[in-house]
């Protein structure tokens, strides 16, 4: 188990689907401090702006010494631009900058990472879906949106 994954022990659906990038549900202030100690540099919050959280963001993340990025993924339709921003952000960080990506339960994180698994890592659809489910994906609607985004980029 990596130090980053150890740092988010207790976060719902904590996982490390990409080396150096951990994912999960809502962290606490203690998790943010532990992430910093473990070498994390960036936190990507994909919760919508109006969703309640147990701390003020971005202030709490910045006070913990971490860079805060907000790429909101709603509970309804997710735009191609949003999927694209997430793929770009993960591509930029993967293998270079330790990061944590979260929503309330990791459902949206799993769905948001599905295009990365397929488009950037070349994972076949069935395996990419299984990986997204391990991350926390539970929404069939979000899964279909992510797969449609991938298909539109693959010309299928």
C-alpha atoms as a PDB file:
ATOM      1  CA  UNK A   1       0.000   0.000   0.000  1.00  0.00           C
ATOM      2  CA  UNK A   2       1.373   3.434  -0.909  1.00  0.00           C
ATOM      3  CA  UNK A   3       1.820   6.303   1.532  1.00  0.00           C
ATOM      4  CA  UNK A   4      -0.841   8.252  -0.381  1.00  0.00           C
ATOM      5  CA  UNK A   5      -3.334   5.435   0.007  1.00  0.00           C
ATOM      6  CA  UNK A   6      -2.426   5.099   3.691  1.00  0.00           C
ATOM      7  CA  UNK A   7      -3.105   8.840   4.065  1.00  0.00           C
ATOM      8  CA  UNK A   8      -6.730   8.454   3.011  1.00  0.00           C
ATOM      9  CA  UNK A   9      -7.507   5.388   5.100  1.00  0.00           C
ATOM     10  CA  UNK A  10     -11.121   5.699   6.192  1.00  0.00           C
ATOM     11  CA  UNK A  11     -12.206   7.745   3.156  1.00  0.00           C
ATOM     12  CA  UNK A  12     -15.109   5.977   1.405  1.00  0.00           C
ATOM     13  CA  UNK A  13     -13.909   3.853  -1.533  1.00  0.00           C
ATOM     14  CA  UNK A  14     -10.271   4.875  -1.094  1.00  0.00           C
ATOM     15  CA  UNK A  15      -8.167   3.520  -3.949  1.00  0.00           C
ATOM     16  CA  UNK A  16      -5.100   4.155  -6.071  1.00  0.00           C
ATOM     17  CA  UNK A  17      -6.221   3.285  -9.620  1.00  0.00           C
ATOM     18  CA  UNK A  18      -3.277   5.154 -11.163  1.00  0.00           C
ATOM     19  CA  UNK A  19       0.135   5.082  -9.475  1.00  0.00           C
ATOM     20  CA  UNK A  20       0.523   8.347  -7.566  1.00  0.00           C
ATOM     21  CA  UNK A  21      -3.141   9.311  -7.928  1.00  0.00           C
ATOM     22  CA  UNK A  22      -5.477   8.291  -5.132  1.00  0.00           C
ATOM     23  CA  UNK A  23      -9.241   8.608  -5.252  1.00  0.00           C
ATOM     24  CA  UNK A  24     -12.146   8.416  -2.893  1.00  0.00           C
ATOM     25  CA  UNK A  25     -15.132   9.966  -1.288  1.00  0.00           C
ATOM     26  CA  UNK A  26     -15.226  12.983   0.995  1.00  0.00           C
ATOM     27  CA  UNK A  27     -12.017  13.487   2.985  1.00  0.00           C
ATOM     28  CA  UNK A  28     -11.690  15.163   6.380  1.00  0.00           C
ATOM     29  CA  UNK A  29      -9.239  17.888   7.391  1.00  0.00           C
ATOM     30  CA  UNK A  30      -7.117  15.142   8.944  1.00  0.00           C
ATOM     31  CA  UNK A  31      -6.953  13.365   5.575  1.00  0.00           C
ATOM     32  CA  UNK A  32      -5.778  16.573   3.897  1.00  0.00           C
ATOM     33  CA  UNK A  33      -2.954  16.930   6.427  1.00  0.00           C
ATOM     34  CA  UNK A  34      -2.024  13.262   6.006  1.00  0.00           C
ATOM     35  CA  UNK A  35      -2.020  13.637   2.224  1.00  0.00           C
ATOM     36  CA  UNK A  36       0.396  16.551   2.503  1.00  0.00           C
ATOM     37  CA  UNK A  37       2.702  14.529   4.781  1.00  0.00           C
ATOM     38  CA  UNK A  38       2.566  11.650   2.275  1.00  0.00           C
ATOM     39  CA  UNK A  39       3.773  13.901  -0.538  1.00  0.00           C
ATOM     40  CA  UNK A  40       0.499  14.765  -2.230  1.00  0.00           C
ATOM     41  CA  UNK A  41       0.616  18.052  -4.141  1.00  0.00           C
ATOM     42  CA  UNK A  42      -2.819  18.472  -5.780  1.00  0.00           C
ATOM     43  CA  UNK A  43      -6.415  17.880  -4.698  1.00  0.00           C
ATOM     44  CA  UNK A  44      -9.090  17.749  -7.389  1.00  0.00           C
ATOM     45  CA  UNK A  45     -12.569  18.288  -6.001  1.00  0.00           C
ATOM     46  CA  UNK A  46     -15.241  17.156  -8.460  1.00  0.00           C
ATOM     47  CA  UNK A  47     -18.194  17.920  -6.191  1.00  0.00           C
ATOM     48  CA  UNK A  48     -20.576  20.641  -7.299  1.00  0.00           C
ATOM     49  CA  UNK A  49     -19.988  24.034  -5.723  1.00  0.00           C
ATOM     50  CA  UNK A  50     -23.178  24.026  -3.654  1.00  0.00           C
ATOM     51  CA  UNK A  51     -22.703  20.551  -2.186  1.00  0.00           C
ATOM     52  CA  UNK A  52     -22.096  20.715   1.569  1.00  0.00           C
ATOM     53  CA  UNK A  53     -18.660  19.674   2.767  1.00  0.00           C
ATOM     54  CA  UNK A  54     -17.214  19.382   6.266  1.00  0.00           C
ATOM     55  CA  UNK A  55     -14.676  22.149   5.562  1.00  0.00           C
ATOM     56  CA  UNK A  56     -14.393  25.346   3.558  1.00  0.00           C
ATOM     57  CA  UNK A  57     -12.877  24.829   0.190  1.00  0.00           C
ATOM     58  CA  UNK A  58     -10.580  25.857  -1.369  1.00  0.00           C
ATOM     59  CA  UNK A  59      -9.303  27.472   1.833  1.00  0.00           C
ATOM     60  CA  UNK A  60      -8.898  24.273   3.843  1.00  0.00           C
ATOM     61  CA  UNK A  61      -7.061  22.522   1.024  1.00  0.00           C
ATOM     62  CA  UNK A  62      -4.704  25.465   0.489  1.00  0.00           C
ATOM     63  CA  UNK A  63      -4.125  25.818   4.255  1.00  0.00           C
ATOM     64  CA  UNK A  64      -3.085  22.158   4.281  1.00  0.00           C
ATOM     65  CA  UNK A  65      -0.392  23.105   1.756  1.00  0.00           C
ATOM     66  CA  UNK A  66      -2.044  21.496  -1.255  1.00  0.00           C
ATOM     67  CA  UNK A  67      -3.027  22.912  -4.635  1.00  0.00           C
ATOM     68  CA  UNK A  68      -6.813  22.992  -5.068  1.00  0.00           C
ATOM     69  CA  UNK A  69      -8.503  22.318  -8.393  1.00  0.00           C
ATOM     70  CA  UNK A  70     -12.253  22.245  -8.898  1.00  0.00           C
ATOM     71  CA  UNK A  71     -13.753  20.382 -11.849  1.00  0.00           C
ATOM     72  CA  UNK A  72     -17.426  19.953 -10.910  1.00  0.00           C
ATOM     73  CA  UNK A  73     -19.248  16.836 -12.047  1.00  0.00           C
ATOM     74  CA  UNK A  74     -22.972  17.035 -11.391  1.00  0.00           C
ATOM     75  CA  UNK A  75     -25.444  14.271 -10.744  1.00  0.00           C
ATOM     76  CA  UNK A  76     -27.090  14.792 -14.144  1.00  0.00           C
ATOM     77  CA  UNK A  77     -25.649  15.196 -17.604  1.00  0.00           C
ATOM     78  CA  UNK A  78     -21.871  15.612 -17.732  1.00  0.00           C
ATOM     79  CA  UNK A  79     -20.593  17.678 -20.640  1.00  0.00           C
ATOM     80  CA  UNK A  80     -17.870  16.554 -23.006  1.00  0.00           C
ATOM     81  CA  UNK A  81     -15.903  19.598 -21.866  1.00  0.00           C
ATOM     82  CA  UNK A  82     -16.008  18.372 -18.262  1.00  0.00           C
ATOM     83  CA  UNK A  83     -14.876  14.862 -19.200  1.00  0.00           C
ATOM     84  CA  UNK A  84     -12.132  16.478 -21.284  1.00  0.00           C
ATOM     85  CA  UNK A  85     -10.944  18.679 -18.420  1.00  0.00           C
ATOM     86  CA  UNK A  86     -10.698  15.649 -16.127  1.00  0.00           C
ATOM     87  CA  UNK A  87      -8.826  13.542 -18.686  1.00  0.00           C
ATOM     88  CA  UNK A  88      -6.433  16.455 -19.293  1.00  0.00           C
ATOM     89  CA  UNK A  89      -5.870  17.008 -15.563  1.00  0.00           C
ATOM     90  CA  UNK A  90      -5.152  13.342 -14.859  1.00  0.00           C
ATOM     91  CA  UNK A  91      -2.899  13.084 -17.930  1.00  0.00           C
ATOM     92  CA  UNK A  92      -0.934  16.099 -16.678  1.00  0.00           C
ATOM     93  CA  UNK A  93      -0.516  14.652 -13.174  1.00  0.00           C
ATOM     94  CA  UNK A  94      -0.126  10.905 -13.769  1.00  0.00           C
ATOM     95  CA  UNK A  95       3.396   9.756 -13.084  1.00  0.00           C
ATOM     96  CA  UNK A  96       4.551  13.285 -12.235  1.00  0.00           C
ATOM     97  CA  UNK A  97       2.576  14.890  -9.432  1.00  0.00           C
ATOM     98  CA  UNK A  98       0.940  13.002  -6.544  1.00  0.00           C
ATOM     99  CA  UNK A  99      -2.760  13.866  -6.387  1.00  0.00           C
ATOM    100  CA  UNK A 100      -6.097  13.043  -4.762  1.00  0.00           C
ATOM    101  CA  UNK A 101      -9.402  13.157  -6.684  1.00  0.00           C
ATOM    102  CA  UNK A 102     -12.643  13.080  -4.708  1.00  0.00           C
ATOM    103  CA  UNK A 103     -16.417  13.526  -4.673  1.00  0.00           C
ATOM    104  CA  UNK A 104     -18.851  12.553  -1.924  1.00  0.00           C
ATOM    105  CA  UNK A 105     -18.652   8.758  -2.389  1.00  0.00           C
ATOM    106  CA  UNK A 106     -16.247   8.154  -5.342  1.00  0.00           C
ATOM    107  CA  UNK A 107     -19.158   7.297  -7.669  1.00  0.00           C
ATOM    108  CA  UNK A 108     -18.490  10.351  -9.852  1.00  0.00           C
ATOM    109  CA  UNK A 109     -14.730   9.827  -9.573  1.00  0.00           C
ATOM    110  CA  UNK A 110     -15.078   6.328 -11.022  1.00  0.00           C
ATOM    111  CA  UNK A 111     -17.234   7.599 -13.865  1.00  0.00           C
ATOM    112  CA  UNK A 112     -14.979  10.560 -14.542  1.00  0.00           C
ATOM    113  CA  UNK A 113     -11.878   8.334 -14.741  1.00  0.00           C
ATOM    114  CA  UNK A 114     -13.454   5.821 -17.113  1.00  0.00           C
ATOM    115  CA  UNK A 115     -12.474   7.876 -20.213  1.00  0.00           C
ATOM    116  CA  UNK A 116      -8.905   8.210 -18.912  1.00  0.00           C
ATOM    117  CA  UNK A 117      -8.602   4.454 -18.486  1.00  0.00           C
ATOM    118  CA  UNK A 118      -9.740   3.843 -22.058  1.00  0.00           C
ATOM    119  CA  UNK A 119      -8.336   6.798 -23.982  1.00  0.00           C
ATOM    120  CA  UNK A 120      -5.027   7.313 -22.194  1.00  0.00           C
ATOM    121  CA  UNK A 121      -4.205   3.875 -20.825  1.00  0.00           C
ATOM    122  CA  UNK A 122      -5.724   1.865 -23.683  1.00  0.00           C
ATOM    123  CA  UNK A 123      -7.788  -0.326 -21.368  1.00  0.00           C
ATOM    124  CA  UNK A 124     -10.574  -2.253 -23.130  1.00  0.00           C
ATOM    125  CA  UNK A 125     -14.144  -1.234 -22.252  1.00  0.00           C
ATOM    126  CA  UNK A 126     -15.016  -4.233 -20.060  1.00  0.00           C
ATOM    127  CA  UNK A 127     -11.826  -3.899 -17.999  1.00  0.00           C
ATOM    128  CA  UNK A 128     -12.148  -0.101 -17.809  1.00  0.00           C
ATOM    129  CA  UNK A 129     -15.706  -0.417 -16.489  1.00  0.00           C
ATOM    130  CA  UNK A 130     -14.537  -2.977 -13.914  1.00  0.00           C
ATOM    131  CA  UNK A 131     -11.766  -0.597 -12.852  1.00  0.00           C
ATOM    132  CA  UNK A 132     -14.228   2.322 -12.590  1.00  0.00           C
ATOM    133  CA  UNK A 133     -16.512   0.146 -10.444  1.00  0.00           C
ATOM    134  CA  UNK A 134     -13.580  -0.635  -8.132  1.00  0.00           C
ATOM    135  CA  UNK A 135     -12.948   3.112  -7.820  1.00  0.00           C
ATOM    136  CA  UNK A 136     -16.561   3.645  -6.757  1.00  0.00           C
ATOM    137  CA  UNK A 137     -18.753   4.049  -9.850  1.00  0.00           C
ATOM    138  CA  UNK A 138     -22.346   3.052  -9.090  1.00  0.00           C
ATOM    139  CA  UNK A 139     -24.360   5.094 -11.602  1.00  0.00           C
ATOM    140  CA  UNK A 140     -25.319   3.326 -14.847  1.00  0.00           C
ATOM    141  CA  UNK A 141     -26.247   6.731 -16.296  1.00  0.00           C
ATOM    142  CA  UNK A 142     -22.800   8.185 -15.570  1.00  0.00           C
ATOM    143  CA  UNK A 143     -21.143   5.066 -16.955  1.00  0.00           C
ATOM    144  CA  UNK A 144     -23.089   5.422 -20.216  1.00  0.00           C
ATOM    145  CA  UNK A 145     -22.204   9.112 -20.471  1.00  0.00           C
ATOM    146  CA  UNK A 146     -18.514   8.319 -19.969  1.00  0.00           C
ATOM    147  CA  UNK A 147     -18.637   5.532 -22.569  1.00  0.00           C
ATOM    148  CA  UNK A 148     -20.401   7.831 -25.045  1.00  0.00           C
ATOM    149  CA  UNK A 149     -17.648  10.396 -24.516  1.00  0.00           C
ATOM    150  CA  UNK A 150     -15.029   7.709 -25.222  1.00  0.00           C
ATOM    151  CA  UNK A 151     -16.845   6.469 -28.326  1.00  0.00           C
ATOM    152  CA  UNK A 152     -17.086  10.014 -29.681  1.00  0.00           C
ATOM    153  CA  UNK A 153     -13.310  10.336 -29.293  1.00  0.00           C
ATOM    154  CA  UNK A 154     -12.591   6.938 -30.806  1.00  0.00           C
ATOM    155  CA  UNK A 155     -14.853   7.463 -33.817  1.00  0.00           C
ATOM    156  CA  UNK A 156     -16.876   4.340 -32.979  1.00  0.00           C
END
